[in-house]
């Protein structure tokens, strides 16, 4: 289920002349039985609302006073969400014969008294805002509106606005409707509200809300999976056509040769999802996403992530989660992932989150075979992203819901061909690429079923993913991923298990050994395949093919590394085996 909450205005939306009719009450009851939360969002003050709405008990929460107060009809608890204006403000209005009512926070009047109200605000030097609603005038602290009140209500349930439908009719409904994943206007709504709503109902007031509820129950608004206003730009073609990602769309596969920048591209996608308020959960087998500032890290190189750690992190709808599997033995990581998956999917069924499940090293986590095939039906059909070097070795059933391929690095057409062979798809026509290798930052994009693929220039992440990564700077990459200074005759066996030791040993080896590895291109190969930093590899390759002497090339290599990574001042903290 995508939509777990319905947020509705009262007057002019579910109510006509202050009264909710029986048919609308019945529809609200059906909505509750479907498992969805009902949240009222109104400008009315609570005592007045209780008088006109005898079925307030149908709602899980009520946001009143236009976002300033939260009321729980079940517990009768009232929570004030903002500081009220100073008493001198109401006193000044009364002294000028302005008719007002006051709540916990709100000070309300009617037009044309807004002119005198604004004068008083200016004269007293108050930081207050005036909100209009069909002739009513509401004064609240700056920044308080129906959207902020709805956010507080959703937080009570651990729900996201991206799993909420908002429905309203008037000026003051714009704010909360805009933050909802889907906004609906009843037929009697003001033209400005209809113009900005995602859907306009055929029915007026309660009849329109009933229509909306019945659509939700019938198919969860499945025809609205591609709301254009939520799409995120992740790149552009030479003709400036934007490559857009639908946050509620089908699966994505990021694939490419080792060290080509798959994690950099994925980081850019994750940033844009996070900026838009979507929660992602990244299964990170190799610790490549430990520096994402907008994500909570679960698991460390010395501590395997537990199910309770993951479910606790998922409670905060505002933050994404990175599940670091470095603390799990390599061979056990697929099994550990399958043990975590049920709890992740249970939370998604309950709240709609995480909005995106991102699985790195997908060829290792979900290789072709019966175990992965058994998992395939459990995986989300939308909002899933796989990252892999070997698309053709993944379980075909897992790839069934992948509709978009973003391929980077060398042999991009071959990578697409591997996917097509694994899935039985007809191979598209792929554009020629100079040297059969895409430039850093470019991706070959294929939408499954299209006759041709295209090349786009992907948007860079705001921050360099590896710049402060302690894993590569001073951690322990292990025996297989370390650099070995062996010399021209293979007499040496000096292991550098991180960049700090690589530079330290590089300064200490003799010129003959250094030049042997430089001439062989070993430095750039290591950076590309084991450090997985395409930009660093490109710069090192330029140093390797240059004519600098040993001292100059050592200095250039050190400068290239230091410009991208924060190295420790003293000895590395990782244990070196």
Protein backbone atom coordinates (compact mmCIF):
# COMPACT_ATOMS: atom_id res chain seq x y z
CA UNK A 1 0.00 0.00 0.00
CA UNK A 2 1.38 3.37 -1.04
CA UNK A 3 -1.04 5.75 0.70
CA UNK A 4 -1.30 5.13 4.43
CA UNK A 5 -2.92 8.39 5.52
CA UNK A 6 -5.71 10.71 4.36
CA UNK A 7 -5.49 14.34 5.46
CA UNK A 8 -8.66 16.34 4.92
CA UNK A 9 -9.89 19.86 5.52
CA UNK A 10 -13.24 20.25 7.29
CA UNK A 11 -15.38 23.17 6.06
CA UNK A 12 -16.18 22.96 2.37
CA UNK A 13 -14.41 19.61 2.05
CA UNK A 14 -16.02 16.93 4.21
CA UNK A 15 -18.56 19.35 5.70
CA UNK A 16 -21.27 21.53 4.15
CA UNK A 17 -22.42 24.41 6.34
CA UNK A 18 -20.52 22.77 9.19
CA UNK A 19 -22.26 19.38 8.87
CA UNK A 20 -20.80 16.05 7.67
CA UNK A 21 -23.53 14.01 5.99
CA UNK A 22 -24.15 10.29 6.60
CA UNK A 23 -22.69 9.17 3.27
CA UNK A 24 -19.40 10.94 4.02
CA UNK A 25 -19.31 9.47 7.54
CA UNK A 26 -19.76 6.01 6.02
CA UNK A 27 -16.89 6.66 3.59
CA UNK A 28 -14.62 7.78 6.43
CA UNK A 29 -15.48 4.57 8.27
CA UNK A 30 -14.52 2.54 5.19
CA UNK A 31 -11.22 4.39 5.00
CA UNK A 32 -10.41 3.50 8.61
CA UNK A 33 -11.27 -0.15 8.02
CA UNK A 34 -8.81 -0.18 5.12
CA UNK A 35 -6.00 0.45 7.62
CA UNK A 36 -5.38 4.08 6.72
CA UNK A 37 -4.97 6.88 9.23
CA UNK A 38 -7.47 9.76 9.11
CA UNK A 39 -6.19 13.22 9.95
CA UNK A 40 -8.38 16.30 10.00
CA UNK A 41 -6.63 19.57 9.18
CA UNK A 42 -8.76 22.63 9.92
CA UNK A 43 -8.58 26.30 10.79
CA UNK A 44 -11.33 25.93 13.39
CA UNK A 45 -10.68 26.22 17.10
CA UNK A 46 -11.16 23.02 19.08
CA UNK A 47 -14.24 23.92 21.19
CA UNK A 48 -16.08 25.03 18.07
CA UNK A 49 -15.00 21.93 16.15
CA UNK A 50 -16.27 19.61 18.90
CA UNK A 51 -19.65 21.32 18.70
CA UNK A 52 -20.13 21.01 14.94
CA UNK A 53 -18.46 17.62 14.40
CA UNK A 54 -19.96 14.90 16.60
CA UNK A 55 -17.96 12.17 14.77
CA UNK A 56 -14.55 13.58 15.57
CA UNK A 57 -13.83 10.12 16.96
CA UNK A 58 -13.44 8.85 13.40
CA UNK A 59 -10.14 10.74 13.15
CA UNK A 60 -6.88 9.48 14.54
CA UNK A 61 -5.68 13.06 15.02
CA UNK A 62 -7.02 16.55 14.36
CA UNK A 63 -4.82 19.49 13.43
CA UNK A 64 -6.73 22.59 14.54
CA UNK A 65 -6.14 26.34 14.60
CA UNK A 66 -4.64 26.10 11.11
CA UNK A 67 -1.66 24.03 12.22
CA UNK A 68 -0.99 25.45 15.68
CA UNK A 69 -2.62 22.74 17.82
CA UNK A 70 -2.76 18.94 17.67
CA UNK A 71 -5.71 17.09 19.25
CA UNK A 72 -6.11 13.35 19.83
CA UNK A 73 -9.84 12.47 19.85
CA UNK A 74 -9.16 9.12 21.51
CA UNK A 75 -7.00 10.26 24.43
CA UNK A 76 -8.48 13.81 24.50
CA UNK A 77 -4.93 15.11 24.69
CA UNK A 78 -4.19 18.57 23.29
CA UNK A 79 -0.67 19.56 22.23
CA UNK A 80 0.12 23.18 21.44
CA UNK A 81 2.70 23.37 18.64
CA UNK A 82 3.61 27.08 18.75
CA UNK A 83 3.89 30.06 21.06
CA UNK A 84 0.78 32.30 20.99
CA UNK A 85 0.98 35.98 20.11
CA UNK A 86 1.52 38.25 23.12
CA UNK A 87 -1.64 39.26 24.96
CA UNK A 88 -1.07 42.91 24.02
CA UNK A 89 -1.84 41.99 20.41
CA UNK A 90 -5.42 40.84 21.18
CA UNK A 91 -5.87 43.76 23.56
CA UNK A 92 -4.89 46.24 20.84
CA UNK A 93 -7.35 44.68 18.38
CA UNK A 94 -10.20 44.79 20.89
CA UNK A 95 -9.38 48.40 21.68
CA UNK A 96 -9.89 49.19 17.99
CA UNK A 97 -13.24 47.37 17.93
CA UNK A 98 -11.91 44.54 15.75
CA UNK A 99 -14.08 41.42 16.34
CA UNK A 100 -11.77 38.53 17.25
CA UNK A 101 -11.77 35.04 18.66
CA UNK A 102 -8.72 33.49 20.30
CA UNK A 103 -7.64 29.90 20.71
CA UNK A 104 -4.53 28.36 22.22
CA UNK A 105 -2.49 30.18 19.59
CA UNK A 106 -4.70 31.56 16.82
CA UNK A 107 -6.22 35.02 16.75
CA UNK A 108 -9.04 35.11 14.19
CA UNK A 109 -11.18 37.83 12.64
CA UNK A 110 -12.92 38.45 9.32
CA UNK A 111 -12.47 40.70 6.33
CA UNK A 112 -12.22 43.69 6.00
CA UNK A 113 -10.57 43.84 9.45
CA UNK A 114 -7.36 42.42 8.02
CA UNK A 115 -6.22 45.98 7.27
CA UNK A 116 -6.45 47.06 10.90
CA UNK A 117 -4.93 43.74 11.99
CA UNK A 118 -1.89 44.28 9.79
CA UNK A 119 -1.51 47.82 11.13
CA UNK A 120 -1.43 46.52 14.70
CA UNK A 121 1.16 43.88 13.81
CA UNK A 122 3.39 46.55 12.27
CA UNK A 123 2.92 48.99 15.14
CA UNK A 124 3.80 46.38 17.76
CA UNK A 125 6.70 45.00 15.72
CA UNK A 126 5.44 41.42 15.92
CA UNK A 127 6.61 38.47 13.83
CA UNK A 128 3.18 37.21 12.88
CA UNK A 129 1.57 36.11 9.62
CA UNK A 130 -1.92 36.69 8.30
CA UNK A 131 -3.69 33.83 6.50
CA UNK A 132 -6.87 34.26 4.47
CA UNK A 133 -9.61 31.67 4.04
CA UNK A 134 -12.84 32.57 2.23
CA UNK A 135 -13.36 35.81 4.13
CA UNK A 136 -11.88 34.58 7.39
CA UNK A 137 -8.62 36.11 8.61
CA UNK A 138 -6.27 34.08 10.82
CA UNK A 139 -3.19 35.39 12.62
CA UNK A 140 -0.50 32.91 13.62
CA UNK A 141 3.23 32.91 14.41
CA UNK A 142 5.42 32.98 11.31
CA UNK A 143 5.98 29.54 9.80
CA UNK A 144 2.89 27.94 11.34
CA UNK A 145 0.37 26.59 8.85
CA UNK A 146 -1.55 23.46 7.99
CA UNK A 147 1.58 21.87 6.52
CA UNK A 148 3.57 22.17 9.75
CA UNK A 149 0.62 20.87 11.74
CA UNK A 150 0.22 17.90 9.39
CA UNK A 151 3.94 17.13 9.70
CA UNK A 152 3.57 16.94 13.48
CA UNK A 153 0.56 14.65 13.13
CA UNK A 154 2.30 12.30 10.70
CA UNK A 155 5.34 12.14 12.96
CA UNK A 156 3.10 10.74 15.71
CA UNK A 157 2.49 7.69 13.51
CA UNK A 158 5.94 7.50 11.91
CA UNK A 159 4.38 8.27 8.53
CA UNK A 160 5.71 10.38 5.68
CA UNK A 161 3.91 13.06 3.64
CA UNK A 162 4.92 10.92 0.66
CA UNK A 163 2.48 8.27 1.86
CA UNK A 164 -0.34 10.76 2.38
CA UNK A 165 -3.23 12.04 0.27
CA UNK A 166 -4.38 15.57 1.11
CA UNK A 167 -7.80 16.94 0.12
CA UNK A 168 -9.10 20.48 0.48
CA UNK A 169 -10.94 23.38 -1.10
CA UNK A 170 -9.63 26.79 0.02
CA UNK A 171 -6.63 29.14 0.19
CA UNK A 172 -5.30 27.90 3.51
CA UNK A 173 -5.27 24.31 2.21
CA UNK A 174 -2.52 24.99 -0.32
CA UNK A 175 0.26 24.48 2.23
CA UNK A 176 -0.68 21.02 3.45
CA UNK A 177 -1.89 19.77 0.06
CA UNK A 178 1.41 20.75 -1.53
CA UNK A 179 3.51 18.61 0.85
CA UNK A 180 1.37 15.50 0.35
CA UNK A 181 2.43 12.96 -2.26
CA UNK A 182 -1.01 13.34 -3.85
CA UNK A 183 -3.23 16.40 -3.53
CA UNK A 184 -6.94 16.30 -4.37
CA UNK A 185 -9.41 19.15 -4.74
CA UNK A 186 -13.14 18.68 -4.33
CA UNK A 187 -15.28 20.00 -7.18
CA UNK A 188 -16.33 23.10 -5.23
CA UNK A 189 -12.73 24.11 -4.49
CA UNK A 190 -11.45 27.54 -5.46
CA UNK A 191 -9.99 27.69 -8.98
CA UNK A 192 -6.49 28.30 -7.60
CA UNK A 193 -6.73 25.13 -5.51
CA UNK A 194 -7.94 23.09 -8.48
CA UNK A 195 -5.13 24.46 -10.64
CA UNK A 196 -2.43 23.13 -8.30
CA UNK A 197 -4.08 19.86 -7.22
CA UNK A 198 -2.90 16.56 -8.68
CA UNK A 199 -6.49 15.41 -9.15
CA UNK A 200 -9.86 17.16 -9.08
CA UNK A 201 -12.82 15.10 -7.90
CA UNK A 202 -16.11 15.10 -9.76
CA UNK A 203 -18.13 15.46 -6.57
CA UNK A 204 -18.49 18.49 -4.33
CA UNK A 205 -17.56 18.48 -0.64
CA UNK A 206 -18.31 15.14 1.02
CA UNK A 207 -19.27 13.48 -2.25
CA UNK A 208 -15.83 14.34 -3.64
CA UNK A 209 -14.10 12.98 -0.54
CA UNK A 210 -16.19 9.81 -0.78
CA UNK A 211 -15.13 9.44 -4.40
CA UNK A 212 -11.48 9.82 -3.38
CA UNK A 213 -11.75 7.28 -0.55
CA UNK A 214 -13.38 4.71 -2.80
CA UNK A 215 -10.57 5.13 -5.37
CA UNK A 216 -7.99 4.65 -2.63
CA UNK A 217 -9.63 1.49 -1.35
CA UNK A 218 -10.13 0.12 -4.87
CA UNK A 219 -6.59 0.49 -6.25
CA UNK A 220 -4.53 2.79 -4.00
CA UNK A 221 -4.65 5.43 -6.77
CA UNK A 222 -2.51 3.17 -8.95
CA UNK A 223 -3.05 5.40 -12.00
CA UNK A 224 -1.15 8.20 -10.23
CA UNK A 225 2.22 6.48 -9.93
CA UNK A 226 3.92 9.03 -12.16
CA UNK A 227 3.01 12.43 -10.73
CA UNK A 228 5.24 14.77 -12.72
CA UNK A 229 5.83 17.26 -9.90
CA UNK A 230 7.74 14.65 -7.89
CA UNK A 231 10.10 13.51 -10.64
CA UNK A 232 13.80 14.10 -9.98
CA UNK A 233 16.40 15.10 -12.57
CA UNK A 234 19.46 12.83 -12.50
CA UNK A 235 21.09 13.87 -15.78
CA UNK A 236 20.65 15.35 -19.23
CA UNK A 237 21.39 14.42 -22.83
CA UNK A 238 23.32 16.58 -25.27
CA UNK A 239 20.05 18.11 -26.45
CA UNK A 240 19.33 19.17 -22.84
CA UNK A 241 16.55 16.60 -22.43
CA UNK A 242 16.41 15.76 -18.73
CA UNK A 243 16.68 12.19 -17.47
CA UNK A 244 13.97 12.04 -14.83
CA UNK A 245 13.54 9.52 -12.03
CA UNK A 246 10.04 8.77 -10.76
CA UNK A 247 10.29 8.32 -6.98
CA UNK A 248 7.28 6.00 -7.12
CA UNK A 249 8.47 4.31 -10.27
CA UNK A 250 9.71 0.84 -11.21
CA UNK A 251 13.11 -0.64 -10.51
CA UNK A 252 16.47 0.80 -11.58
CA UNK A 253 19.73 -1.03 -12.29
CA UNK A 254 23.07 0.81 -12.04
CA UNK A 255 25.75 -1.31 -13.66
CA UNK A 256 29.28 -0.90 -14.93
CA UNK A 257 32.84 -1.99 -14.78
CA UNK A 258 34.71 -1.90 -11.50
CA UNK A 259 35.83 1.57 -10.45
CA UNK A 260 33.66 3.32 -13.04
CA UNK A 261 31.75 5.45 -10.52
CA UNK A 262 28.62 3.43 -9.74
CA UNK A 263 28.63 4.54 -6.12
CA UNK A 264 29.12 8.17 -7.12
CA UNK A 265 26.12 8.01 -9.45
CA UNK A 266 24.05 6.23 -6.81
CA UNK A 267 25.03 8.83 -4.21
CA UNK A 268 23.73 11.58 -6.52
CA UNK A 269 20.41 9.73 -6.86
CA UNK A 270 20.19 9.18 -3.10
CA UNK A 271 20.88 12.85 -2.44
CA UNK A 272 18.03 13.94 -4.68
CA UNK A 273 15.65 11.44 -3.12
CA UNK A 274 16.67 12.63 0.34
CA UNK A 275 16.31 16.30 -0.60
CA UNK A 276 12.74 15.57 -1.69
CA UNK A 277 11.94 13.83 1.60
CA UNK A 278 12.02 10.22 0.38
CA UNK A 279 13.59 7.66 2.69
CA UNK A 280 16.06 5.16 1.22
CA UNK A 281 17.58 2.09 2.82
CA UNK A 282 20.93 1.03 1.38
CA UNK A 283 22.27 -2.50 1.79
CA UNK A 284 26.00 -1.69 1.77
CA UNK A 285 28.17 -4.83 1.74
CA UNK A 286 31.50 -3.00 1.33
CA UNK A 287 31.05 0.21 3.32
CA UNK A 288 30.87 2.46 0.25
CA UNK A 289 28.12 4.74 1.63
CA UNK A 290 29.35 5.45 5.15
CA UNK A 291 29.77 9.19 4.50
CA UNK A 292 26.17 10.04 3.55
CA UNK A 293 25.32 12.87 5.94
CA UNK A 294 21.56 12.48 5.47
CA UNK A 295 21.59 8.78 6.41
CA UNK A 296 21.78 6.93 9.71
CA UNK A 297 24.56 4.34 9.73
CA UNK A 298 23.69 0.88 11.05
CA UNK A 299 26.54 -1.59 11.48
CA UNK A 300 30.31 -1.03 11.51
CA UNK A 301 33.36 -2.98 10.35
CA UNK A 302 33.44 -4.58 13.81
CA UNK A 303 29.70 -4.87 14.49
CA UNK A 304 27.23 -6.73 12.30
CA UNK A 305 23.91 -4.86 11.97
CA UNK A 306 21.08 -6.50 13.90
CA UNK A 307 17.43 -6.52 12.89
CA UNK A 308 16.52 -4.33 15.86
CA UNK A 309 19.16 -1.77 14.81
CA UNK A 310 17.57 -1.50 11.38
CA UNK A 311 13.96 -1.27 12.60
CA UNK A 312 14.93 1.38 15.16
CA UNK A 313 16.61 3.47 12.46
CA UNK A 314 13.56 3.17 10.20
CA UNK A 315 11.37 4.87 12.80
CA UNK A 316 12.72 8.29 11.80
CA UNK A 317 10.94 9.00 8.52
CA UNK A 318 13.16 12.02 7.90
CA UNK A 319 16.43 10.10 7.54
CA UNK A 320 17.65 7.43 5.19
CA UNK A 321 19.52 4.37 6.45
CA UNK A 322 22.76 2.70 5.38
CA UNK A 323 23.12 -0.91 6.54
CA UNK A 324 26.88 -1.54 6.62
CA UNK A 325 27.71 -5.24 6.27
CA UNK A 326 31.49 -4.97 6.68
CA UNK A 327 31.14 -6.54 10.13
CA UNK A 328 29.74 -9.70 8.51
CA UNK A 329 32.12 -12.26 6.95
CA UNK A 330 32.07 -11.92 3.16
CA UNK A 331 30.56 -15.35 2.51
CA UNK A 332 27.79 -14.72 5.06
CA UNK A 333 26.62 -11.35 3.75
CA UNK A 334 23.91 -12.65 1.39
CA UNK A 335 22.42 -14.76 4.20
CA UNK A 336 22.58 -11.81 6.61
CA UNK A 337 20.74 -9.68 4.07
CA UNK A 338 17.97 -12.26 3.74
CA UNK A 339 17.65 -12.31 7.54
CA UNK A 340 17.20 -8.53 7.66
CA UNK A 341 14.82 -8.34 4.69
CA UNK A 342 11.57 -9.52 6.37
CA UNK A 343 11.74 -6.78 9.01
CA UNK A 344 12.43 -4.16 6.34
CA UNK A 345 9.48 -5.34 4.25
CA UNK A 346 7.23 -5.47 7.32
CA UNK A 347 7.99 -1.83 8.08
CA UNK A 348 7.36 -0.92 4.44
CA UNK A 349 3.98 -2.67 4.57
CA UNK A 350 3.08 -0.80 7.77
CA UNK A 351 4.26 2.69 6.86
CA UNK A 352 5.20 2.71 3.16
CA UNK A 353 8.86 3.22 4.11
CA UNK A 354 11.61 2.93 3.10
CA UNK A 355 10.47 4.47 -0.15
CA UNK A 356 13.55 3.03 -1.90
CA UNK A 357 15.45 -0.18 -1.21
CA UNK A 358 18.98 0.07 -2.63
CA UNK A 359 21.07 -3.11 -2.87
CA UNK A 360 24.77 -2.72 -3.63
CA UNK A 361 26.87 -5.66 -4.90
CA UNK A 362 23.56 -7.12 -6.09
CA UNK A 363 25.31 -9.91 -8.02
CA UNK A 364 26.67 -11.13 -4.67
CA UNK A 365 23.54 -10.48 -2.64
CA UNK A 366 21.11 -11.92 -5.22
CA UNK A 367 23.00 -14.27 -7.55
CA UNK A 368 21.20 -16.51 -10.01
CA UNK A 369 19.82 -19.52 -8.21
CA UNK A 370 16.88 -20.92 -6.27
CA UNK A 371 17.50 -18.95 -3.07
CA UNK A 372 17.40 -15.59 -4.87
CA UNK A 373 14.45 -16.75 -6.98
CA UNK A 374 12.54 -17.46 -3.78
CA UNK A 375 13.26 -13.93 -2.55
CA UNK A 376 12.23 -12.24 -5.81
CA UNK A 377 8.44 -12.18 -5.15
CA UNK A 378 9.07 -10.54 -1.77
CA UNK A 379 11.02 -7.58 -3.17
CA UNK A 380 9.16 -4.32 -3.90
CA UNK A 381 7.92 -3.97 -7.45
CA UNK A 382 8.62 -0.24 -7.31
CA UNK A 383 11.23 1.88 -5.56
CA UNK A 384 14.11 -0.59 -5.80
CA UNK A 385 17.63 0.03 -7.11
CA UNK A 386 20.30 -2.59 -7.77
CA UNK A 387 24.01 -1.82 -8.15
CA UNK A 388 26.23 -4.42 -9.78
CA UNK A 389 29.33 -5.10 -11.82
CA UNK A 390 27.81 -8.23 -13.37
CA UNK A 391 24.19 -7.67 -14.41
CA UNK A 392 24.13 -10.99 -16.24
CA UNK A 393 24.89 -13.04 -13.12
CA UNK A 394 21.94 -11.77 -11.08
CA UNK A 395 18.84 -13.89 -10.62
CA UNK A 396 16.55 -13.13 -13.61
CA UNK A 397 13.42 -13.22 -11.43
CA UNK A 398 14.90 -10.41 -9.31
CA UNK A 399 15.35 -8.29 -12.44
CA UNK A 400 11.71 -8.67 -13.48
CA UNK A 401 10.72 -5.24 -12.10
CA UNK A 402 13.77 -3.37 -13.43
CA UNK A 403 12.70 -1.00 -16.19
CA UNK A 404 15.59 1.47 -16.28
CA UNK A 405 19.29 0.69 -16.81
CA UNK A 406 22.02 3.24 -16.07
CA UNK A 407 25.28 1.80 -17.38
CA UNK A 408 28.67 3.45 -16.86
CA UNK A 409 32.32 2.72 -17.53
CA UNK A 410 33.73 0.44 -20.21
CA UNK A 411 31.84 -1.80 -22.65
CA UNK A 412 28.41 -0.29 -21.87
CA UNK A 413 26.70 -2.04 -24.79
CA UNK A 414 28.05 -5.39 -23.58
CA UNK A 415 26.61 -4.72 -20.12
CA UNK A 416 23.18 -4.04 -21.59
CA UNK A 417 23.52 -7.18 -23.70
CA UNK A 418 24.26 -9.23 -20.56
CA UNK A 419 21.09 -7.90 -18.93
CA UNK A 420 19.06 -8.70 -22.03
CA UNK A 421 20.46 -12.23 -22.20
CA UNK A 422 19.61 -12.84 -18.53
CA UNK A 423 16.08 -11.50 -18.86
CA UNK A 424 15.19 -12.60 -22.39
CA UNK A 425 14.80 -9.03 -23.63
CA UNK A 426 15.58 -7.89 -27.15
CA UNK A 427 18.86 -5.99 -27.17
CA UNK A 428 18.46 -2.28 -28.06
CA UNK A 429 20.61 -0.34 -30.46
CA UNK A 430 23.36 1.33 -28.46
CA UNK A 431 25.23 4.48 -29.55
CA UNK A 432 28.90 4.14 -30.38
CA UNK A 433 31.25 5.22 -27.59
CA UNK A 434 34.81 6.39 -28.21
CA UNK A 435 37.24 3.76 -27.03
CA UNK A 436 34.27 1.66 -25.92
CA UNK A 437 34.42 3.49 -22.61
CA UNK A 438 32.07 6.19 -21.35
CA UNK A 439 33.71 9.33 -19.95
CA UNK A 440 33.50 9.73 -16.18
CA UNK A 441 30.09 11.19 -15.32
CA UNK A 442 28.34 9.85 -18.41
CA UNK A 443 25.87 6.97 -18.43
CA UNK A 444 24.23 4.92 -21.16
CA UNK A 445 20.53 4.82 -20.30
CA UNK A 446 18.06 2.27 -21.56
CA UNK A 447 14.39 2.15 -20.69
CA UNK A 448 13.40 -1.48 -20.98
CA UNK A 449 11.51 -2.14 -24.18
CA UNK A 450 12.78 0.97 -25.99
CA UNK A 451 14.50 0.27 -29.34
CA UNK A 452 17.53 2.44 -28.53
CA UNK A 453 19.69 3.46 -25.60
CA UNK A 454 20.98 7.02 -25.11
CA UNK A 455 23.97 8.63 -23.42
CA UNK A 456 23.34 11.25 -20.73
CA UNK A 457 25.56 13.42 -18.58
CA UNK A 458 24.65 12.56 -15.00
CA UNK A 459 24.44 15.17 -12.27
CA UNK A 460 27.26 15.05 -9.77
CA UNK A 461 26.59 14.60 -6.05
CA UNK A 462 27.01 17.74 -3.97
CA UNK A 463 29.80 16.20 -1.92
CA UNK A 464 32.63 13.96 -3.01
CA UNK A 465 31.63 10.55 -1.70
CA UNK A 466 35.16 9.38 -0.91
CA UNK A 467 36.69 12.65 0.23
CA UNK A 468 36.64 11.89 3.96
CA UNK A 469 36.30 8.11 3.74
CA UNK A 470 38.38 6.56 6.52
CA UNK A 471 37.82 3.13 5.00
CA UNK A 472 40.18 3.89 2.12
CA UNK A 473 42.40 6.44 3.83
CA UNK A 474 43.32 4.50 6.97
CA UNK A 475 41.16 1.41 7.25
CA UNK A 476 42.00 -2.17 6.35
CA UNK A 477 41.02 -3.16 2.81
CA UNK A 478 42.05 -6.76 3.39
CA UNK A 479 44.59 -8.94 1.60
CA UNK A 480 42.77 -9.18 -1.73
CA UNK A 481 42.23 -5.44 -2.18
CA UNK A 482 45.58 -4.16 -0.88
CA UNK A 483 48.36 -2.77 -3.06
CA UNK A 484 51.60 -4.80 -3.19
CA UNK A 485 54.97 -3.28 -3.98
CA UNK A 486 56.82 -6.27 -5.51
CA UNK A 487 59.44 -4.66 -7.74
CA UNK A 488 60.58 -5.62 -11.23
CA UNK A 489 61.77 -9.09 -10.21
CA UNK A 490 59.02 -9.82 -7.69
CA UNK A 491 61.46 -9.98 -4.78
CA UNK A 492 59.44 -7.64 -2.55
CA UNK A 493 56.05 -8.23 -0.91
CA UNK A 494 55.18 -4.94 0.77
CA UNK A 495 51.46 -4.74 1.42
CA UNK A 496 49.66 -1.37 1.63
CA UNK A 497 46.18 -2.02 3.02
CA UNK A 498 45.03 1.60 2.66
CA UNK A 499 45.98 4.87 1.00
CA UNK A 500 47.98 6.10 4.00
CA UNK A 501 50.27 3.06 3.88
CA UNK A 502 50.44 3.22 0.08
CA UNK A 503 51.87 6.74 0.21
CA UNK A 504 54.11 5.89 3.15
CA UNK A 505 55.57 2.83 1.42
CA UNK A 506 55.77 4.63 -1.91
CA UNK A 507 58.03 7.23 -0.32
CA UNK A 508 60.24 4.46 1.09
CA UNK A 509 60.72 2.05 -1.82
CA UNK A 510 63.63 2.45 -4.19
CA UNK A 511 63.23 4.30 -7.47
CA UNK A 512 63.48 1.12 -9.54
CA UNK A 513 60.50 -0.44 -7.72
CA UNK A 514 58.47 2.77 -7.93
CA UNK A 515 59.14 3.21 -11.64
CA UNK A 516 58.33 -0.45 -12.35
CA UNK A 517 54.83 -0.08 -10.96
CA UNK A 518 54.34 3.35 -12.50
CA UNK A 519 55.28 2.09 -15.97
CA UNK A 520 52.93 -0.88 -15.58
CA UNK A 521 50.02 1.42 -14.67
CA UNK A 522 49.57 -0.41 -11.38
CA UNK A 523 48.69 2.70 -9.35
CA UNK A 524 45.72 3.69 -11.53
CA UNK A 525 44.56 0.05 -11.83
CA UNK A 526 44.46 -0.25 -8.02
CA UNK A 527 42.62 3.04 -7.63
CA UNK A 528 40.07 2.05 -10.25
CA UNK A 529 39.38 -1.55 -9.24
CA UNK A 530 39.97 -1.61 -5.49
CA UNK A 531 39.56 1.98 -4.26
CA UNK A 532 36.76 2.35 -6.81
CA UNK A 533 37.57 5.99 -7.49
CA UNK A 534 37.45 6.63 -11.23
CA UNK A 535 38.55 10.26 -10.98
CA UNK A 536 41.60 9.43 -8.88
CA UNK A 537 42.42 6.59 -11.28
CA UNK A 538 42.21 8.94 -14.26
CA UNK A 539 44.60 11.41 -12.62
CA UNK A 540 47.05 8.67 -11.63
CA UNK A 541 46.95 7.31 -15.18
CA UNK A 542 48.03 10.72 -16.42
CA UNK A 543 50.96 10.69 -13.98
CA UNK A 544 51.95 7.16 -15.03
CA UNK A 545 52.10 8.10 -18.71
CA UNK A 546 53.94 11.38 -18.08
CA UNK A 547 57.69 12.00 -18.19
CA UNK A 548 58.23 13.16 -14.59
CA UNK A 549 61.20 11.80 -12.67
CA UNK A 550 60.59 9.49 -9.65
CA UNK A 551 60.58 12.31 -7.10
CA UNK A 552 58.18 14.41 -9.15
CA UNK A 553 55.81 11.51 -9.82
CA UNK A 554 55.79 10.56 -6.12
CA UNK A 555 54.84 14.12 -5.22
CA UNK A 556 52.14 14.19 -7.90
CA UNK A 557 50.62 10.90 -6.72
CA UNK A 558 50.59 12.14 -3.13
CA UNK A 559 48.93 15.40 -4.17
CA UNK A 560 46.25 13.53 -6.12
CA UNK A 561 45.40 11.34 -3.12
CA UNK A 562 45.52 14.10 -0.50
CA UNK A 563 43.24 16.34 -2.57
CA UNK A 564 40.50 13.71 -2.32
CA UNK A 565 41.00 12.03 1.03
CA UNK A 566 41.56 13.15 4.60
CA UNK A 567 44.61 11.24 5.74
CA UNK A 568 45.38 10.62 9.42
CA UNK A 569 47.95 12.79 11.13
CA UNK A 570 49.69 9.81 12.71
CA UNK A 571 49.43 6.07 12.30
CA UNK A 572 46.28 4.56 10.82
CA UNK A 573 43.65 3.37 13.24
CA UNK A 574 42.69 0.22 11.30
CA UNK A 575 44.25 -3.09 12.21
CA UNK A 576 46.51 -4.32 9.44
CA UNK A 577 46.74 -8.07 8.95
